[in-house]
Amino acid sequence: MTKYYYHTQEFRQEILKIPIICTRDDAWLGEAFYFWYDLEDAEDWGNTSKRKTGFYQIYKSEIEAENLLNTVFNEEHYNFWYKQIVKVAMVIIKNTGVKPTIKELNDYFRDKEIWTDVAGILFQDLPINPNKLLVKPIEYDYKTKTMVFPYRKRIQLAVYDVKIINNFALLKKSECV
């Protein structure tokens, strides 16, 4: 069965031939081509984070899964990934005396070539907008901030090797709401 992943970008006149690499310092898993597992999350990202032109585009692609680290559905992969993050964070804390930033963590992985056999990482990030969940949020004591019951995973894929991205094509253009 073919699994499609979704790449969201602000609207461009020219249709992309390949996804745009994310180079932001706060990217969860460093410099990579980021995809969403579910179309719903790709649309939400377009509406909340790709508003510069007032429109966003979603591209659909097949991703070769052979060399992906699947931290969402594979327990062995998750445990390996978790231990690597803890190990690197402890090294950085020992050397600097402070907790690392996401950028520092990812720079360490890149500089030490820890992920050389990994073409991408499938991971679960923060829960989606509580207004889209079907279970009512509950309150907790920290100045009445909302806490959701994240029964639905919001999954992203960080791709490091563009060669595993196949059949990249425009799926839709939408106006931001």
C-alpha atoms as a PDB file:
ATOM      1  CA  MET A   1       0.000   0.000   0.000  1.00  0.00           C
ATOM      2  CA  THR A   2       1.293   3.439  -0.909  1.00  0.00           C
ATOM      3  CA  LYS A   3       1.475   6.013   1.871  1.00  0.00           C
ATOM      4  CA  TYR A   4       1.436   9.663   0.873  1.00  0.00           C
ATOM      5  CA  TYR A   5       2.992  12.442   2.911  1.00  0.00           C
ATOM      6  CA  TYR A   6       2.155  16.143   2.618  1.00  0.00           C
ATOM      7  CA  HIS A   7       4.464  19.164   2.302  1.00  0.00           C
ATOM      8  CA  THR A   8       2.962  22.607   2.991  1.00  0.00           C
ATOM      9  CA  GLN A   9       4.323  25.863   1.559  1.00  0.00           C
ATOM     10  CA  GLU A  10       3.080  29.401   1.147  1.00  0.00           C
ATOM     11  CA  PHE A  11       1.666  30.021  -2.329  1.00  0.00           C
ATOM     12  CA  ARG A  12       4.183  30.445  -5.142  1.00  0.00           C
ATOM     13  CA  GLN A  13       3.425  31.242  -8.782  1.00  0.00           C
ATOM     14  CA  GLU A  14       5.774  28.507  -9.936  1.00  0.00           C
ATOM     15  CA  ILE A  15       4.914  24.953  -8.933  1.00  0.00           C
ATOM     16  CA  LEU A  16       7.710  23.304  -6.952  1.00  0.00           C
ATOM     17  CA  LYS A  17       9.583  20.356  -8.455  1.00  0.00           C
ATOM     18  CA  ILE A  18      11.037  19.326  -5.084  1.00  0.00           C
ATOM     19  CA  PRO A  19      10.077  20.360  -1.539  1.00  0.00           C
ATOM     20  CA  ILE A  20      11.750  23.320   0.139  1.00  0.00           C
ATOM     21  CA  ILE A  21      14.236  22.410   2.837  1.00  0.00           C
ATOM     22  CA  CYS A  22      13.622  23.873   6.289  1.00  0.00           C
ATOM     23  CA  THR A  23      16.716  25.595   7.687  1.00  0.00           C
ATOM     24  CA  ARG A  24      15.145  27.284  10.718  1.00  0.00           C
ATOM     25  CA  ASP A  25      17.095  27.067  13.986  1.00  0.00           C
ATOM     26  CA  ASP A  26      13.980  25.844  15.816  1.00  0.00           C
ATOM     27  CA  ALA A  27      13.178  22.993  13.412  1.00  0.00           C
ATOM     28  CA  TRP A  28      12.434  19.945  15.559  1.00  0.00           C
ATOM     29  CA  LEU A  29      14.877  17.642  13.796  1.00  0.00           C
ATOM     30  CA  GLY A  30      17.236  20.089  12.154  1.00  0.00           C
ATOM     31  CA  GLU A  31      17.697  20.954   8.530  1.00  0.00           C
ATOM     32  CA  ALA A  32      15.368  18.672   6.566  1.00  0.00           C
ATOM     33  CA  PHE A  33      12.454  18.451   4.164  1.00  0.00           C
ATOM     34  CA  TYR A  34       9.398  18.326   6.457  1.00  0.00           C
ATOM     35  CA  PHE A  35       6.220  16.442   5.601  1.00  0.00           C
ATOM     36  CA  TRP A  36       2.963  15.794   7.421  1.00  0.00           C
ATOM     37  CA  TYR A  37       1.597  12.286   7.854  1.00  0.00           C
ATOM     38  CA  ASP A  38      -2.036  13.463   7.618  1.00  0.00           C
ATOM     39  CA  LEU A  39      -3.539  15.923   5.156  1.00  0.00           C
ATOM     40  CA  GLU A  40      -5.524  17.536   8.007  1.00  0.00           C
ATOM     41  CA  ASP A  41      -2.278  18.595   9.715  1.00  0.00           C
ATOM     42  CA  ALA A  42      -0.827  19.884   6.439  1.00  0.00           C
ATOM     43  CA  GLU A  43      -3.932  22.062   6.012  1.00  0.00           C
ATOM     44  CA  ASP A  44      -3.759  23.295   9.602  1.00  0.00           C
ATOM     45  CA  TRP A  45      -0.076  24.202   9.112  1.00  0.00           C
ATOM     46  CA  GLY A  46      -0.974  26.122   5.949  1.00  0.00           C
ATOM     47  CA  ASN A  47      -3.655  28.102   7.772  1.00  0.00           C
ATOM     48  CA  THR A  48      -1.522  28.908  10.811  1.00  0.00           C
ATOM     49  CA  SER A  49       2.071  29.111   9.565  1.00  0.00           C
ATOM     50  CA  LYS A  50       2.058  29.828   5.826  1.00  0.00           C
ATOM     51  CA  ARG A  51       0.022  33.033   5.744  1.00  0.00           C
ATOM     52  CA  LYS A  52       2.504  35.425   4.088  1.00  0.00           C
ATOM     53  CA  THR A  53       0.733  35.414   0.685  1.00  0.00           C
ATOM     54  CA  GLY A  54      -2.763  34.667   2.014  1.00  0.00           C
ATOM     55  CA  PHE A  55      -2.698  31.290   0.280  1.00  0.00           C
ATOM     56  CA  TYR A  56      -0.835  28.045   0.802  1.00  0.00           C
ATOM     57  CA  GLN A  57      -0.095  25.006  -1.319  1.00  0.00           C
ATOM     58  CA  ILE A  58       0.035  21.363  -0.324  1.00  0.00           C
ATOM     59  CA  TYR A  59       2.184  18.916  -2.217  1.00  0.00           C
ATOM     60  CA  LYS A  60       1.812  15.177  -1.956  1.00  0.00           C
ATOM     61  CA  SER A  61       4.639  12.674  -2.213  1.00  0.00           C
ATOM     62  CA  GLU A  62       5.548   9.049  -1.708  1.00  0.00           C
ATOM     63  CA  ILE A  63       8.501   8.480   0.634  1.00  0.00           C
ATOM     64  CA  GLU A  64      10.680   5.378   0.571  1.00  0.00           C
ATOM     65  CA  ALA A  65      10.427   4.034   4.118  1.00  0.00           C
ATOM     66  CA  GLU A  66      13.356   1.606   4.084  1.00  0.00           C
ATOM     67  CA  ASN A  67      15.876   3.866   5.881  1.00  0.00           C
ATOM     68  CA  LEU A  68      13.461   5.869   8.028  1.00  0.00           C
ATOM     69  CA  LEU A  69      13.749   5.920  11.784  1.00  0.00           C
ATOM     70  CA  ASN A  70      10.112   5.384  12.775  1.00  0.00           C
ATOM     71  CA  THR A  71       9.827   6.740  16.312  1.00  0.00           C
ATOM     72  CA  VAL A  72       6.024   6.784  16.185  1.00  0.00           C
ATOM     73  CA  PHE A  73       5.026   3.199  15.400  1.00  0.00           C
ATOM     74  CA  ASN A  74       8.227   1.192  16.008  1.00  0.00           C
ATOM     75  CA  GLU A  75       9.142   0.715  19.680  1.00  0.00           C
ATOM     76  CA  GLU A  76      12.745  -0.296  18.946  1.00  0.00           C
ATOM     77  CA  HIS A  77      13.283   2.799  16.794  1.00  0.00           C
ATOM     78  CA  TYR A  78      11.693   5.013  19.437  1.00  0.00           C
ATOM     79  CA  ASN A  79      13.916   3.631  22.219  1.00  0.00           C
ATOM     80  CA  PHE A  80      17.047   4.094  20.084  1.00  0.00           C
ATOM     81  CA  TRP A  81      16.045   7.676  19.205  1.00  0.00           C
ATOM     82  CA  TYR A  82      15.191   8.542  22.821  1.00  0.00           C
ATOM     83  CA  LYS A  83      18.505   7.176  24.121  1.00  0.00           C
ATOM     84  CA  GLN A  84      20.453   9.148  21.483  1.00  0.00           C
ATOM     85  CA  ILE A  85      18.751  12.396  22.474  1.00  0.00           C
ATOM     86  CA  VAL A  86      19.373  11.786  26.187  1.00  0.00           C
ATOM     87  CA  LYS A  87      23.010  10.842  25.544  1.00  0.00           C
ATOM     88  CA  VAL A  88      23.716  13.934  23.427  1.00  0.00           C
ATOM     89  CA  ALA A  89      21.847  16.250  25.804  1.00  0.00           C
ATOM     90  CA  MET A  90      23.931  14.915  28.711  1.00  0.00           C
ATOM     91  CA  VAL A  91      27.169  15.545  26.773  1.00  0.00           C
ATOM     92  CA  ILE A  92      26.120  19.122  26.028  1.00  0.00           C
ATOM     93  CA  ILE A  93      25.018  19.729  29.635  1.00  0.00           C
ATOM     94  CA  LYS A  94      28.319  18.331  30.916  1.00  0.00           C
ATOM     95  CA  ASN A  95      30.311  20.564  28.538  1.00  0.00           C
ATOM     96  CA  THR A  96      28.286  23.775  28.931  1.00  0.00           C
ATOM     97  CA  GLY A  97      26.410  23.478  32.230  1.00  0.00           C
ATOM     98  CA  VAL A  98      23.073  24.275  30.544  1.00  0.00           C
ATOM     99  CA  LYS A  99      20.367  22.341  28.710  1.00  0.00           C
ATOM    100  CA  PRO A 100      20.835  22.354  24.923  1.00  0.00           C
ATOM    101  CA  THR A 101      18.569  24.145  22.505  1.00  0.00           C
ATOM    102  CA  ILE A 102      16.992  22.192  19.663  1.00  0.00           C
ATOM    103  CA  LYS A 103      19.533  23.814  17.321  1.00  0.00           C
ATOM    104  CA  GLU A 104      22.477  22.744  19.493  1.00  0.00           C
ATOM    105  CA  LEU A 105      21.139  19.203  19.704  1.00  0.00           C
ATOM    106  CA  ASN A 106      20.630  18.949  15.949  1.00  0.00           C
ATOM    107  CA  ASP A 107      24.003  20.572  15.205  1.00  0.00           C
ATOM    108  CA  TYR A 108      25.663  17.950  17.401  1.00  0.00           C
ATOM    109  CA  PHE A 109      23.889  15.118  15.562  1.00  0.00           C
ATOM    110  CA  ARG A 110      24.923  16.625  12.211  1.00  0.00           C
ATOM    111  CA  ASP A 111      28.518  17.484  13.172  1.00  0.00           C
ATOM    112  CA  LYS A 112      29.175  14.060  14.702  1.00  0.00           C
ATOM    113  CA  GLU A 113      27.378  12.358  11.778  1.00  0.00           C
ATOM    114  CA  ILE A 114      25.195  10.319  14.122  1.00  0.00           C
ATOM    115  CA  TRP A 115      22.341   9.898  11.616  1.00  0.00           C
ATOM    116  CA  THR A 116      24.418   8.873   8.561  1.00  0.00           C
ATOM    117  CA  ASP A 117      22.353   5.733   7.879  1.00  0.00           C
ATOM    118  CA  VAL A 118      19.049   7.497   8.539  1.00  0.00           C
ATOM    119  CA  ALA A 119      17.331   9.043   5.490  1.00  0.00           C
ATOM    120  CA  GLY A 120      14.536  10.511   7.623  1.00  0.00           C
ATOM    121  CA  ILE A 121      12.796  10.411  10.980  1.00  0.00           C
ATOM    122  CA  LEU A 122       9.067   9.918  11.508  1.00  0.00           C
ATOM    123  CA  PHE A 123       8.113  11.550  14.807  1.00  0.00           C
ATOM    124  CA  GLN A 124       5.170  12.820  16.804  1.00  0.00           C
ATOM    125  CA  ASP A 125       5.200  16.483  17.714  1.00  0.00           C
ATOM    126  CA  LEU A 126       2.904  18.600  19.865  1.00  0.00           C
ATOM    127  CA  PRO A 127      -0.846  17.872  19.871  1.00  0.00           C
ATOM    128  CA  ILE A 128      -2.979  19.663  17.328  1.00  0.00           C
ATOM    129  CA  ASN A 129      -5.221  22.655  17.912  1.00  0.00           C
ATOM    130  CA  PRO A 130      -7.647  21.658  20.727  1.00  0.00           C
ATOM    131  CA  ASN A 131     -10.524  23.220  18.765  1.00  0.00           C
ATOM    132  CA  LYS A 132     -10.163  20.418  16.202  1.00  0.00           C
ATOM    133  CA  LEU A 133     -10.222  17.582  18.725  1.00  0.00           C
ATOM    134  CA  LEU A 134     -13.475  15.808  19.532  1.00  0.00           C
ATOM    135  CA  VAL A 135     -12.746  15.587  23.274  1.00  0.00           C
ATOM    136  CA  LYS A 136     -13.276  18.679  25.412  1.00  0.00           C
ATOM    137  CA  PRO A 137     -10.047  20.146  26.886  1.00  0.00           C
ATOM    138  CA  ILE A 138      -9.573  20.063  30.656  1.00  0.00           C
ATOM    139  CA  GLU A 139      -7.977  22.725  32.796  1.00  0.00           C
ATOM    140  CA  TYR A 140      -4.909  22.407  34.967  1.00  0.00           C
ATOM    141  CA  ASP A 141      -3.557  24.625  37.727  1.00  0.00           C
ATOM    142  CA  TYR A 142      -0.874  26.598  35.893  1.00  0.00           C
ATOM    143  CA  LYS A 143      -2.818  29.845  35.568  1.00  0.00           C
ATOM    144  CA  THR A 144      -5.756  28.094  33.820  1.00  0.00           C
ATOM    145  CA  LYS A 145      -3.886  27.077  30.676  1.00  0.00           C
ATOM    146  CA  THR A 146      -5.717  24.498  28.599  1.00  0.00           C
ATOM    147  CA  MET A 147      -4.521  20.914  28.554  1.00  0.00           C
ATOM    148  CA  VAL A 148      -5.794  18.607  25.813  1.00  0.00           C
ATOM    149  CA  PHE A 149      -6.210  14.871  25.704  1.00  0.00           C
ATOM    150  CA  PRO A 150      -4.005  14.074  22.692  1.00  0.00           C
ATOM    151  CA  TYR A 151      -5.772  10.923  21.532  1.00  0.00           C
ATOM    152  CA  ARG A 152      -4.766  11.742  17.968  1.00  0.00           C
ATOM    153  CA  LYS A 153      -1.113  11.812  16.969  1.00  0.00           C
ATOM    154  CA  ARG A 154       0.191  14.766  14.986  1.00  0.00           C
ATOM    155  CA  ILE A 155       2.983  13.163  13.006  1.00  0.00           C
ATOM    156  CA  GLN A 156       5.735  14.725  10.946  1.00  0.00           C
ATOM    157  CA  LEU A 157       8.467  13.299   8.788  1.00  0.00           C
ATOM    158  CA  ALA A 158      11.869  14.966   8.559  1.00  0.00           C
ATOM    159  CA  VAL A 159      13.599  13.794   5.374  1.00  0.00           C
ATOM    160  CA  TYR A 160      17.377  14.242   5.133  1.00  0.00           C
ATOM    161  CA  ASP A 161      17.941  12.541   1.780  1.00  0.00           C
ATOM    162  CA  VAL A 162      15.960  14.051  -1.108  1.00  0.00           C
ATOM    163  CA  LYS A 163      16.458  10.802  -3.081  1.00  0.00           C
ATOM    164  CA  ILE A 164      13.778   9.014  -1.011  1.00  0.00           C
ATOM    165  CA  ILE A 165      11.113  11.559  -2.071  1.00  0.00           C
ATOM    166  CA  ASN A 166       9.139  10.233  -5.050  1.00  0.00           C
ATOM    167  CA  ASN A 167       6.271  11.554  -7.178  1.00  0.00           C
ATOM    168  CA  PHE A 168       6.314  14.998  -5.563  1.00  0.00           C
ATOM    169  CA  ALA A 169       3.307  16.867  -6.989  1.00  0.00           C
ATOM    170  CA  LEU A 170       0.978  19.749  -6.190  1.00  0.00           C
ATOM    171  CA  LEU A 171      -2.182  18.457  -4.527  1.00  0.00           C
ATOM    172  CA  LYS A 172      -4.051  21.693  -3.832  1.00  0.00           C
ATOM    173  CA  LYS A 173      -3.951  25.450  -3.341  1.00  0.00           C
ATOM    174  CA  SER A 174      -6.052  26.966  -0.548  1.00  0.00           C
ATOM    175  CA  GLU A 175      -6.787  30.373   0.865  1.00  0.00           C
ATOM    176  CA  CYS A 176      -5.745  30.871   4.481  1.00  0.00           C
ATOM    177  CA  VAL A 177      -8.689  31.095   6.857  1.00  0.00           C
END
